[in-house]
Amino acid sequence: MSVVIIAILVVVVILLFLGVHVIPQQHAYVVERLGRFHGVLQPGLRVTIPFVDRIRYRHLLKEIPLDVPSQICITRDNTQLQVDGIIYFQVTDPKLASYGTSDYILAITQLAQTTLRSVIGKMELDRTFEERDSINAAVVSALDEAAVNWGVKVLRYEIKDLTPPKEILQAMQRQITAERDKRARIAESEGRMQEQINLAHGAREAAINESEGNRQSAINESEGKRQADINRAQGEAEAVRLMAQATAEALMLVGKAISSPGGTEAVNLKVAEQYVAAFSNVAQTNNTLILPSNMADMGGLIAAAMNVIKQTRQN
């Protein structure tokens, strides 16, 4: 009796072991019952019927990176190019991933390679290096469209490396070197040209400044000369005015002296003295002069001069 109980307990333990499952997070188990699809076990504690239900497929629902094997692609200009890449995909439908294709990983890999050969075959070699984003987008679009029936979502595709033949690499290196030398020569020639332009501009500015300085100097010199002439003319006019004023004042003083008592006798004496002095100077020089006939008649001359003075005073 105890043996039977022990046997029953062993059977129960075995059934529990076979029928109870713990599904990890981000995993999905596909269950078949008697050979047909029955359901998908979600994460957590799940129970199946031993010997009736069978876990046929186990899928990881995380994002999975898949390395695409390297392959040789022919570009539009008939250049061989070795390309390898990587795919990032995720299982979205465990049922389709189990029954939609026999091996969705192989299907994705093969489709990625064929699509990549097709896209690169439409481009020239130089464009393949410049348009990696376009190539990646084209591969993802083709894979995502086909992977819908496989229960898989292709998230992105990245080209890891593009390797042209060794001869092409050497030619590209020579081309890059020549292009850099060309840019250096262009930059150097532009620098020299700019230097000549700056020198010419500086010389022109210097000539303009010198011409402007000469013009300003000439203007200043002419202004100074004009001002000097004005000052000289004003000085001469002032001298004439002062001399006339002094003469007028002297004549007024003489007139007042003549009008005062004894003024006439003083004038007679002054005129006589000047007459004698002038006559003595004439006698001492060898110059030939024309003199009046009554030169010796001093009294007559003085009387004539006094008559003029009297008439002037009376007027």
C-alpha atoms as a PDB file:
ATOM      1  CA  MET A   1       0.000   0.000   0.000  1.00  0.00           C
ATOM      2  CA  SER A   2       2.757   2.392   0.851  1.00  0.00           C
ATOM      3  CA  VAL A   3       4.497   1.516  -2.403  1.00  0.00           C
ATOM      4  CA  VAL A   4       1.419   2.514  -4.358  1.00  0.00           C
ATOM      5  CA  ILE A   5       1.184   5.820  -2.542  1.00  0.00           C
ATOM      6  CA  ILE A   6       4.811   6.521  -3.188  1.00  0.00           C
ATOM      7  CA  ALA A   7       4.342   5.664  -6.845  1.00  0.00           C
ATOM      8  CA  ILE A   8       1.347   7.985  -7.082  1.00  0.00           C
ATOM      9  CA  LEU A   9       3.308  10.788  -5.455  1.00  0.00           C
ATOM     10  CA  VAL A  10       6.170  10.268  -7.869  1.00  0.00           C
ATOM     11  CA  VAL A  11       3.771  10.419 -10.802  1.00  0.00           C
ATOM     12  CA  VAL A  12       2.204  13.608  -9.473  1.00  0.00           C
ATOM     13  CA  VAL A  13       5.615  15.211  -9.048  1.00  0.00           C
ATOM     14  CA  ILE A  14       6.566  14.197 -12.563  1.00  0.00           C
ATOM     15  CA  LEU A  15       3.328  15.598 -13.950  1.00  0.00           C
ATOM     16  CA  LEU A  16       3.820  18.836 -12.077  1.00  0.00           C
ATOM     17  CA  PHE A  17       7.368  19.053 -13.321  1.00  0.00           C
ATOM     18  CA  LEU A  18       6.233  18.499 -16.891  1.00  0.00           C
ATOM     19  CA  GLY A  19       3.130  20.661 -16.759  1.00  0.00           C
ATOM     20  CA  VAL A  20       4.202  23.738 -14.801  1.00  0.00           C
ATOM     21  CA  HIS A  21       6.386  26.325 -16.608  1.00  0.00           C
ATOM     22  CA  VAL A  22       7.876  29.651 -15.580  1.00  0.00           C
ATOM     23  CA  ILE A  23       8.165  31.940 -18.626  1.00  0.00           C
ATOM     24  CA  PRO A  24      10.862  34.676 -18.291  1.00  0.00           C
ATOM     25  CA  GLN A  25      10.197  38.324 -19.127  1.00  0.00           C
ATOM     26  CA  GLN A  26      10.513  39.226 -22.847  1.00  0.00           C
ATOM     27  CA  HIS A  27      10.088  35.618 -23.870  1.00  0.00           C
ATOM     28  CA  ALA A  28       7.200  33.785 -25.574  1.00  0.00           C
ATOM     29  CA  TYR A  29       6.650  30.015 -25.853  1.00  0.00           C
ATOM     30  CA  VAL A  30       4.525  28.528 -28.624  1.00  0.00           C
ATOM     31  CA  VAL A  31       2.462  25.526 -27.425  1.00  0.00           C
ATOM     32  CA  GLU A  32       1.156  22.751 -29.683  1.00  0.00           C
ATOM     33  CA  ARG A  33      -1.567  20.396 -28.526  1.00  0.00           C
ATOM     34  CA  LEU A  34      -1.560  17.058 -30.231  1.00  0.00           C
ATOM     35  CA  GLY A  35       0.511  18.478 -33.070  1.00  0.00           C
ATOM     36  CA  ARG A  36      -1.556  21.628 -33.675  1.00  0.00           C
ATOM     37  CA  PHE A  37      -0.984  25.212 -32.602  1.00  0.00           C
ATOM     38  CA  HIS A  38      -2.701  25.771 -29.298  1.00  0.00           C
ATOM     39  CA  GLY A  39      -1.428  29.112 -27.950  1.00  0.00           C
ATOM     40  CA  VAL A  40       1.424  31.307 -26.819  1.00  0.00           C
ATOM     41  CA  LEU A  41       2.573  31.251 -23.215  1.00  0.00           C
ATOM     42  CA  GLN A  42       3.234  34.764 -21.910  1.00  0.00           C
ATOM     43  CA  PRO A  43       5.790  35.576 -19.163  1.00  0.00           C
ATOM     44  CA  GLY A  44       4.875  34.218 -15.728  1.00  0.00           C
ATOM     45  CA  LEU A  45       3.782  30.870 -14.219  1.00  0.00           C
ATOM     46  CA  ARG A  46       1.956  28.776 -16.809  1.00  0.00           C
ATOM     47  CA  VAL A  47       0.491  25.223 -16.740  1.00  0.00           C
ATOM     48  CA  THR A  48       0.234  22.761 -19.633  1.00  0.00           C
ATOM     49  CA  ILE A  49      -1.078  19.215 -19.919  1.00  0.00           C
ATOM     50  CA  PRO A  50       1.802  16.779 -19.888  1.00  0.00           C
ATOM     51  CA  PHE A  51       2.066  14.408 -22.861  1.00  0.00           C
ATOM     52  CA  VAL A  52      -0.706  16.402 -24.594  1.00  0.00           C
ATOM     53  CA  ASP A  53       0.733  19.897 -24.820  1.00  0.00           C
ATOM     54  CA  ARG A  54       4.231  20.503 -26.110  1.00  0.00           C
ATOM     55  CA  ILE A  55       6.308  23.668 -26.119  1.00  0.00           C
ATOM     56  CA  ARG A  56       7.376  23.685 -29.747  1.00  0.00           C
ATOM     57  CA  TYR A  57       9.098  27.094 -30.176  1.00  0.00           C
ATOM     58  CA  ARG A  58      10.787  29.537 -27.804  1.00  0.00           C
ATOM     59  CA  HIS A  59      11.167  33.116 -28.966  1.00  0.00           C
ATOM     60  CA  LEU A  60      13.112  36.079 -27.517  1.00  0.00           C
ATOM     61  CA  LEU A  61      11.123  39.307 -27.821  1.00  0.00           C
ATOM     62  CA  LYS A  62      14.062  41.651 -27.269  1.00  0.00           C
ATOM     63  CA  GLU A  63      15.773  43.593 -30.046  1.00  0.00           C
ATOM     64  CA  ILE A  64      18.284  41.257 -31.639  1.00  0.00           C
ATOM     65  CA  PRO A  65      21.407  42.295 -33.611  1.00  0.00           C
ATOM     66  CA  LEU A  66      22.145  39.988 -36.543  1.00  0.00           C
ATOM     67  CA  ASP A  67      25.478  40.088 -38.327  1.00  0.00           C
ATOM     68  CA  VAL A  68      25.096  39.886 -42.122  1.00  0.00           C
ATOM     69  CA  PRO A  69      27.977  37.970 -43.730  1.00  0.00           C
ATOM     70  CA  SER A  70      30.335  39.932 -45.980  1.00  0.00           C
ATOM     71  CA  GLN A  71      29.642  39.760 -49.711  1.00  0.00           C
ATOM     72  CA  ILE A  72      30.941  41.135 -53.007  1.00  0.00           C
ATOM     73  CA  CYS A  73      28.702  43.698 -54.745  1.00  0.00           C
ATOM     74  CA  ILE A  74      29.154  45.130 -58.241  1.00  0.00           C
ATOM     75  CA  THR A  75      28.608  48.880 -58.581  1.00  0.00           C
ATOM     76  CA  ARG A  76      27.136  50.636 -61.594  1.00  0.00           C
ATOM     77  CA  ASP A  77      30.620  51.424 -62.929  1.00  0.00           C
ATOM     78  CA  ASN A  78      31.592  47.719 -62.697  1.00  0.00           C
ATOM     79  CA  THR A  79      33.702  47.971 -59.554  1.00  0.00           C
ATOM     80  CA  GLN A  80      33.763  45.148 -57.034  1.00  0.00           C
ATOM     81  CA  LEU A  81      32.946  46.276 -53.525  1.00  0.00           C
ATOM     82  CA  GLN A  82      33.063  44.097 -50.430  1.00  0.00           C
ATOM     83  CA  VAL A  83      30.228  45.010 -48.058  1.00  0.00           C
ATOM     84  CA  ASP A  84      29.186  43.728 -44.675  1.00  0.00           C
ATOM     85  CA  GLY A  85      26.507  44.988 -42.320  1.00  0.00           C
ATOM     86  CA  ILE A  86      24.342  44.332 -39.317  1.00  0.00           C
ATOM     87  CA  ILE A  87      20.563  44.063 -38.882  1.00  0.00           C
ATOM     88  CA  TYR A  88      18.557  44.964 -35.789  1.00  0.00           C
ATOM     89  CA  PHE A  89      15.200  43.168 -35.640  1.00  0.00           C
ATOM     90  CA  GLN A  90      12.551  42.115 -33.114  1.00  0.00           C
ATOM     91  CA  VAL A  91       9.993  39.289 -33.014  1.00  0.00           C
ATOM     92  CA  THR A  92       6.533  40.830 -32.846  1.00  0.00           C
ATOM     93  CA  ASP A  93       4.309  37.801 -33.563  1.00  0.00           C
ATOM     94  CA  PRO A  94       5.540  34.492 -32.103  1.00  0.00           C
ATOM     95  CA  LYS A  95       2.992  32.454 -34.106  1.00  0.00           C
ATOM     96  CA  LEU A  96       4.083  33.873 -37.488  1.00  0.00           C
ATOM     97  CA  ALA A  97       7.712  33.643 -36.462  1.00  0.00           C
ATOM     98  CA  SER A  98       7.134  29.942 -35.800  1.00  0.00           C
ATOM     99  CA  TYR A  99       4.996  29.013 -38.807  1.00  0.00           C
ATOM    100  CA  GLY A 100       5.472  31.866 -41.330  1.00  0.00           C
ATOM    101  CA  THR A 101       8.892  30.643 -42.451  1.00  0.00           C
ATOM    102  CA  SER A 102      11.114  27.725 -41.662  1.00  0.00           C
ATOM    103  CA  ASP A 103      13.946  30.030 -40.496  1.00  0.00           C
ATOM    104  CA  TYR A 104      13.241  33.725 -40.273  1.00  0.00           C
ATOM    105  CA  ILE A 105      16.877  34.534 -39.378  1.00  0.00           C
ATOM    106  CA  LEU A 106      18.126  32.906 -42.581  1.00  0.00           C
ATOM    107  CA  ALA A 107      15.337  34.581 -44.543  1.00  0.00           C
ATOM    108  CA  ILE A 108      16.232  38.020 -43.194  1.00  0.00           C
ATOM    109  CA  THR A 109      19.935  37.484 -43.875  1.00  0.00           C
ATOM    110  CA  GLN A 110      19.432  36.329 -47.453  1.00  0.00           C
ATOM    111  CA  LEU A 111      16.951  39.096 -48.249  1.00  0.00           C
ATOM    112  CA  ALA A 112      19.298  41.705 -46.789  1.00  0.00           C
ATOM    113  CA  GLN A 113      22.160  40.497 -48.991  1.00  0.00           C
ATOM    114  CA  THR A 114      20.108  40.430 -52.185  1.00  0.00           C
ATOM    115  CA  THR A 115      18.581  43.844 -51.492  1.00  0.00           C
ATOM    116  CA  LEU A 116      22.013  45.290 -50.747  1.00  0.00           C
ATOM    117  CA  ARG A 117      23.412  43.943 -54.037  1.00  0.00           C
ATOM    118  CA  SER A 118      20.468  45.443 -55.905  1.00  0.00           C
ATOM    119  CA  VAL A 119      20.790  48.876 -54.295  1.00  0.00           C
ATOM    120  CA  ILE A 120      24.573  49.127 -54.724  1.00  0.00           C
ATOM    121  CA  GLY A 121      24.272  47.934 -58.330  1.00  0.00           C
ATOM    122  CA  LYS A 122      22.334  51.124 -59.106  1.00  0.00           C
ATOM    123  CA  MET A 123      25.075  53.409 -57.748  1.00  0.00           C
ATOM    124  CA  GLU A 124      28.555  54.368 -58.817  1.00  0.00           C
ATOM    125  CA  LEU A 125      31.478  53.707 -56.500  1.00  0.00           C
ATOM    126  CA  ASP A 126      31.819  57.282 -55.245  1.00  0.00           C
ATOM    127  CA  ARG A 127      28.125  57.506 -54.363  1.00  0.00           C
ATOM    128  CA  THR A 128      28.230  54.354 -52.253  1.00  0.00           C
ATOM    129  CA  PHE A 129      30.530  56.096 -49.774  1.00  0.00           C
ATOM    130  CA  GLU A 130      28.398  59.235 -49.714  1.00  0.00           C
ATOM    131  CA  GLU A 131      24.917  57.679 -49.505  1.00  0.00           C
ATOM    132  CA  ARG A 132      25.168  55.090 -46.768  1.00  0.00           C
ATOM    133  CA  ASP A 133      22.000  56.410 -45.180  1.00  0.00           C
ATOM    134  CA  SER A 134      20.089  55.928 -48.436  1.00  0.00           C
ATOM    135  CA  ILE A 135      21.399  52.362 -48.767  1.00  0.00           C
ATOM    136  CA  ASN A 136      20.447  51.554 -45.167  1.00  0.00           C
ATOM    137  CA  ALA A 137      16.958  52.993 -45.631  1.00  0.00           C
ATOM    138  CA  ALA A 138      16.402  51.001 -48.849  1.00  0.00           C
ATOM    139  CA  VAL A 139      17.448  47.725 -47.190  1.00  0.00           C
ATOM    140  CA  VAL A 140      15.242  48.353 -44.133  1.00  0.00           C
ATOM    141  CA  SER A 141      12.247  49.174 -46.329  1.00  0.00           C
ATOM    142  CA  ALA A 142      12.584  45.962 -48.347  1.00  0.00           C
ATOM    143  CA  LEU A 143      13.150  43.791 -45.277  1.00  0.00           C
ATOM    144  CA  ASP A 144      10.325  45.318 -43.277  1.00  0.00           C
ATOM    145  CA  GLU A 145       7.850  44.779 -46.107  1.00  0.00           C
ATOM    146  CA  ALA A 146       8.736  41.079 -46.422  1.00  0.00           C
ATOM    147  CA  ALA A 147       9.153  40.408 -42.692  1.00  0.00           C
ATOM    148  CA  VAL A 148       5.521  41.205 -41.936  1.00  0.00           C
ATOM    149  CA  ASN A 149       4.615  37.622 -42.906  1.00  0.00           C
ATOM    150  CA  TRP A 150       7.419  36.292 -40.733  1.00  0.00           C
ATOM    151  CA  GLY A 151       6.244  37.931 -37.510  1.00  0.00           C
ATOM    152  CA  VAL A 152       9.411  40.023 -37.397  1.00  0.00           C
ATOM    153  CA  LYS A 153       9.960  43.801 -37.345  1.00  0.00           C
ATOM    154  CA  VAL A 154      13.237  45.028 -38.905  1.00  0.00           C
ATOM    155  CA  LEU A 155      14.218  48.133 -36.962  1.00  0.00           C
ATOM    156  CA  ARG A 156      17.336  49.259 -38.831  1.00  0.00           C
ATOM    157  CA  TYR A 157      20.240  48.160 -40.983  1.00  0.00           C
ATOM    158  CA  GLU A 158      23.758  49.548 -40.781  1.00  0.00           C
ATOM    159  CA  ILE A 159      26.662  49.051 -43.174  1.00  0.00           C
ATOM    160  CA  LYS A 160      29.726  48.241 -41.124  1.00  0.00           C
ATOM    161  CA  ASP A 161      32.340  48.475 -43.834  1.00  0.00           C
ATOM    162  CA  LEU A 162      32.744  49.186 -47.551  1.00  0.00           C
ATOM    163  CA  THR A 163      36.013  47.820 -48.911  1.00  0.00           C
ATOM    164  CA  PRO A 164      36.925  48.418 -52.558  1.00  0.00           C
ATOM    165  CA  PRO A 165      39.799  46.539 -54.225  1.00  0.00           C
ATOM    166  CA  LYS A 166      43.367  47.469 -53.312  1.00  0.00           C
ATOM    167  CA  GLU A 167      43.990  49.137 -56.669  1.00  0.00           C
ATOM    168  CA  ILE A 168      40.899  51.310 -56.247  1.00  0.00           C
ATOM    169  CA  LEU A 169      42.022  52.287 -52.754  1.00  0.00           C
ATOM    170  CA  GLN A 170      45.420  53.366 -54.069  1.00  0.00           C
ATOM    171  CA  ALA A 171      43.804  55.344 -56.886  1.00  0.00           C
ATOM    172  CA  MET A 172      41.436  57.019 -54.416  1.00  0.00           C
ATOM    173  CA  GLN A 173      44.379  57.870 -52.184  1.00  0.00           C
ATOM    174  CA  ARG A 174      46.225  59.454 -55.109  1.00  0.00           C
ATOM    175  CA  GLN A 175      43.075  61.348 -56.050  1.00  0.00           C
ATOM    176  CA  ILE A 176      42.645  62.638 -52.504  1.00  0.00           C
ATOM    177  CA  THR A 177      46.309  63.687 -52.385  1.00  0.00           C
ATOM    178  CA  ALA A 178      46.010  65.484 -55.728  1.00  0.00           C
ATOM    179  CA  GLU A 179      42.826  67.206 -54.598  1.00  0.00           C
ATOM    180  CA  ARG A 180      44.487  68.392 -51.399  1.00  0.00           C
ATOM    181  CA  ASP A 181      47.530  69.647 -53.342  1.00  0.00           C
ATOM    182  CA  LYS A 182      45.175  71.468 -55.690  1.00  0.00           C
ATOM    183  CA  ARG A 183      43.358  73.102 -52.776  1.00  0.00           C
ATOM    184  CA  ALA A 184      46.693  74.089 -51.228  1.00  0.00           C
ATOM    185  CA  ARG A 185      47.884  75.672 -54.488  1.00  0.00           C
ATOM    186  CA  ILE A 186      44.576  77.461 -54.949  1.00  0.00           C
ATOM    187  CA  ALA A 187      44.692  78.756 -51.395  1.00  0.00           C
ATOM    188  CA  GLU A 188      48.301  79.884 -51.859  1.00  0.00           C
ATOM    189  CA  SER A 189      47.535  81.652 -55.149  1.00  0.00           C
ATOM    190  CA  GLU A 190      44.474  83.312 -53.618  1.00  0.00           C
ATOM    191  CA  GLY A 191      46.653  84.446 -50.739  1.00  0.00           C
ATOM    192  CA  ARG A 192      49.207  85.969 -53.102  1.00  0.00           C
ATOM    193  CA  MET A 193      46.445  87.603 -55.132  1.00  0.00           C
ATOM    194  CA  GLN A 194      44.904  89.042 -51.997  1.00  0.00           C
ATOM    195  CA  GLU A 195      48.333  90.247 -50.905  1.00  0.00           C
ATOM    196  CA  GLN A 196      48.835  92.057 -54.234  1.00  0.00           C
ATOM    197  CA  ILE A 197      45.361  93.544 -53.969  1.00  0.00           C
ATOM    198  CA  ASN A 198      46.105  94.747 -50.446  1.00  0.00           C
ATOM    199  CA  LEU A 199      49.457  96.218 -51.521  1.00  0.00           C
ATOM    200  CA  ALA A 200      47.864  97.996 -54.483  1.00  0.00           C
ATOM    201  CA  HIS A 201      45.062  99.231 -52.291  1.00  0.00           C
ATOM    202  CA  GLY A 202      47.586 100.453 -49.721  1.00  0.00           C
ATOM    203  CA  ALA A 203      49.667 102.222 -52.397  1.00  0.00           C
ATOM    204  CA  ARG A 204      46.525 103.812 -53.793  1.00  0.00           C
ATOM    205  CA  GLU A 205      45.462 104.943 -50.343  1.00  0.00           C
ATOM    206  CA  ALA A 206      48.964 106.309 -49.714  1.00  0.00           C
ATOM    207  CA  ALA A 207      48.941 108.193 -53.032  1.00  0.00           C
ATOM    208  CA  ILE A 208      45.489 109.580 -52.282  1.00  0.00           C
ATOM    209  CA  ASN A 209      46.607 110.614 -48.793  1.00  0.00           C
ATOM    210  CA  GLU A 210      49.785 112.197 -50.176  1.00  0.00           C
ATOM    211  CA  SER A 211      47.824 114.056 -52.862  1.00  0.00           C
ATOM    212  CA  GLU A 212      45.328 115.175 -50.273  1.00  0.00           C
ATOM    213  CA  GLY A 213      48.177 116.282 -48.018  1.00  0.00           C
ATOM    214  CA  ASN A 214      49.813 118.243 -50.852  1.00  0.00           C
ATOM    215  CA  ARG A 215      46.497 119.828 -51.757  1.00  0.00           C
ATOM    216  CA  GLN A 216      45.829 120.732 -48.146  1.00  0.00           C
ATOM    217  CA  SER A 217      49.369 122.090 -47.818  1.00  0.00           C
ATOM    218  CA  ALA A 218      48.927 124.216 -50.936  1.00  0.00           C
ATOM    219  CA  ILE A 219      45.579 125.438 -49.623  1.00  0.00           C
ATOM    220  CA  ASN A 220      47.134 126.274 -46.281  1.00  0.00           C
ATOM    221  CA  GLU A 221      50.066 128.006 -47.970  1.00  0.00           C
ATOM    222  CA  SER A 222      47.774 130.050 -50.218  1.00  0.00           C
ATOM    223  CA  GLU A 223      45.562 130.882 -47.256  1.00  0.00           C
ATOM    224  CA  GLY A 224      48.640 131.955 -45.295  1.00  0.00           C
ATOM    225  CA  LYS A 225      49.905 134.069 -48.203  1.00  0.00           C
ATOM    226  CA  ARG A 226      46.493 135.634 -48.689  1.00  0.00           C
ATOM    227  CA  GLN A 227      46.254 136.376 -44.977  1.00  0.00           C
ATOM    228  CA  ALA A 228      49.797 137.841 -45.052  1.00  0.00           C
ATOM    229  CA  ASP A 229      48.866 140.093 -48.001  1.00  0.00           C
ATOM    230  CA  ILE A 230      45.724 141.149 -46.176  1.00  0.00           C
ATOM    231  CA  ASN A 231      47.694 141.865 -43.026  1.00  0.00           C
ATOM    232  CA  ARG A 232      50.363 143.791 -45.006  1.00  0.00           C
ATOM    233  CA  ALA A 233      47.721 145.836 -46.831  1.00  0.00           C
ATOM    234  CA  GLN A 234      45.914 146.517 -43.579  1.00  0.00           C
ATOM    235  CA  GLY A 235      49.237 147.566 -41.996  1.00  0.00           C
ATOM    236  CA  GLU A 236      50.102 149.889 -44.869  1.00  0.00           C
ATOM    237  CA  ALA A 237      46.600 151.386 -44.807  1.00  0.00           C
ATOM    238  CA  GLU A 238      46.865 151.852 -41.067  1.00  0.00           C
ATOM    239  CA  ALA A 239      50.286 153.505 -41.520  1.00  0.00           C
ATOM    240  CA  VAL A 240      48.918 155.875 -44.158  1.00  0.00           C
ATOM    241  CA  ARG A 241      45.958 156.658 -41.956  1.00  0.00           C
ATOM    242  CA  LEU A 242      48.189 157.323 -38.952  1.00  0.00           C
ATOM    243  CA  MET A 243      50.568 159.433 -41.063  1.00  0.00           C
ATOM    244  CA  ALA A 244      47.658 161.466 -42.446  1.00  0.00           C
ATOM    245  CA  GLN A 245      46.255 161.818 -38.967  1.00  0.00           C
ATOM    246  CA  ALA A 246      49.652 162.930 -37.645  1.00  0.00           C
ATOM    247  CA  THR A 247      50.027 165.388 -40.545  1.00  0.00           C
ATOM    248  CA  ALA A 248      46.555 166.756 -39.898  1.00  0.00           C
ATOM    249  CA  GLU A 249      47.280 167.100 -36.219  1.00  0.00           C
ATOM    250  CA  ALA A 250      50.621 168.811 -37.006  1.00  0.00           C
ATOM    251  CA  LEU A 251      48.920 171.221 -39.364  1.00  0.00           C
ATOM    252  CA  MET A 252      46.295 171.966 -36.720  1.00  0.00           C
ATOM    253  CA  LEU A 253      49.034 172.665 -34.205  1.00  0.00           C
ATOM    254  CA  VAL A 254      50.838 174.894 -36.719  1.00  0.00           C
ATOM    255  CA  GLY A 255      47.604 176.710 -37.428  1.00  0.00           C
ATOM    256  CA  LYS A 256      47.019 177.243 -33.710  1.00  0.00           C
ATOM    257  CA  ALA A 257      50.620 178.418 -33.271  1.00  0.00           C
ATOM    258  CA  ILE A 258      50.243 180.938 -36.087  1.00  0.00           C
ATOM    259  CA  SER A 259      47.008 182.283 -34.593  1.00  0.00           C
ATOM    260  CA  SER A 260      48.613 182.769 -31.193  1.00  0.00           C
ATOM    261  CA  PRO A 261      50.514 186.001 -30.371  1.00  0.00           C
ATOM    262  CA  GLY A 262      54.004 185.987 -31.934  1.00  0.00           C
ATOM    263  CA  GLY A 263      53.105 183.074 -34.170  1.00  0.00           C
ATOM    264  CA  THR A 264      53.623 184.976 -37.359  1.00  0.00           C
ATOM    265  CA  GLU A 265      57.123 186.080 -36.397  1.00  0.00           C
ATOM    266  CA  ALA A 266      57.940 182.437 -35.476  1.00  0.00           C
ATOM    267  CA  VAL A 267      56.763 181.241 -38.874  1.00  0.00           C
ATOM    268  CA  ASN A 268      58.839 183.920 -40.605  1.00  0.00           C
ATOM    269  CA  LEU A 269      61.883 182.800 -38.642  1.00  0.00           C
ATOM    270  CA  LYS A 270      61.273 179.108 -39.458  1.00  0.00           C
ATOM    271  CA  VAL A 271      60.783 179.749 -43.147  1.00  0.00           C
ATOM    272  CA  ALA A 272      63.945 181.891 -43.247  1.00  0.00           C
ATOM    273  CA  GLU A 273      65.960 179.154 -41.527  1.00  0.00           C
ATOM    274  CA  GLN A 274      64.749 176.464 -43.955  1.00  0.00           C
ATOM    275  CA  TYR A 275      65.435 178.744 -46.878  1.00  0.00           C
ATOM    276  CA  VAL A 276      69.005 179.408 -45.765  1.00  0.00           C
ATOM    277  CA  ALA A 277      69.574 175.697 -45.117  1.00  0.00           C
ATOM    278  CA  ALA A 278      68.237 174.721 -48.506  1.00  0.00           C
ATOM    279  CA  PHE A 279      70.375 177.343 -50.233  1.00  0.00           C
ATOM    280  CA  SER A 280      73.496 176.196 -48.442  1.00  0.00           C
ATOM    281  CA  ASN A 281      72.852 172.572 -49.526  1.00  0.00           C
ATOM    282  CA  VAL A 282      72.486 173.672 -53.107  1.00  0.00           C
ATOM    283  CA  ALA A 283      75.792 175.446 -52.968  1.00  0.00           C
ATOM    284  CA  GLN A 284      77.597 172.304 -51.665  1.00  0.00           C
ATOM    285  CA  THR A 285      76.437 169.857 -54.408  1.00  0.00           C
ATOM    286  CA  ASN A 286      77.426 169.563 -58.049  1.00  0.00           C
ATOM    287  CA  ASN A 287      73.892 168.843 -59.255  1.00  0.00           C
ATOM    288  CA  THR A 288      72.455 171.051 -61.942  1.00  0.00           C
ATOM    289  CA  LEU A 289      69.164 172.587 -60.791  1.00  0.00           C
ATOM    290  CA  ILE A 290      66.685 175.089 -62.123  1.00  0.00           C
ATOM    291  CA  LEU A 291      66.155 177.891 -59.551  1.00  0.00           C
ATOM    292  CA  PRO A 292      63.901 180.890 -59.559  1.00  0.00           C
ATOM    293  CA  SER A 293      65.446 184.194 -60.772  1.00  0.00           C
ATOM    294  CA  ASN A 294      64.828 185.972 -57.486  1.00  0.00           C
ATOM    295  CA  MET A 295      66.650 183.354 -55.408  1.00  0.00           C
ATOM    296  CA  ALA A 296      68.627 186.036 -53.568  1.00  0.00           C
ATOM    297  CA  ASP A 297      65.543 188.028 -52.638  1.00  0.00           C
ATOM    298  CA  MET A 298      64.915 186.238 -49.293  1.00  0.00           C
ATOM    299  CA  GLY A 299      62.613 188.878 -47.914  1.00  0.00           C
ATOM    300  CA  GLY A 300      60.353 188.764 -50.932  1.00  0.00           C
ATOM    301  CA  LEU A 301      60.061 185.019 -50.719  1.00  0.00           C
ATOM    302  CA  ILE A 302      59.255 185.102 -47.023  1.00  0.00           C
ATOM    303  CA  ALA A 303      56.660 187.821 -47.604  1.00  0.00           C
ATOM    304  CA  ALA A 304      55.057 185.743 -50.343  1.00  0.00           C
ATOM    305  CA  ALA A 305      54.912 182.704 -48.069  1.00  0.00           C
ATOM    306  CA  MET A 306      53.378 184.696 -45.254  1.00  0.00           C
ATOM    307  CA  ASN A 307      50.741 186.102 -47.589  1.00  0.00           C
ATOM    308  CA  VAL A 308      49.704 182.529 -48.406  1.00  0.00           C
ATOM    309  CA  ILE A 309      49.482 181.671 -44.720  1.00  0.00           C
ATOM    310  CA  LYS A 310      47.417 184.764 -43.956  1.00  0.00           C
ATOM    311  CA  GLN A 311      44.997 184.055 -46.777  1.00  0.00           C
ATOM    312  CA  THR A 312      44.597 180.467 -45.571  1.00  0.00           C
ATOM    313  CA  ARG A 313      43.896 181.615 -42.009  1.00  0.00           C
ATOM    314  CA  GLN A 314      41.368 184.195 -43.211  1.00  0.00           C
ATOM    315  CA  ASN A 315      39.545 181.616 -45.285  1.00  0.00           C
END
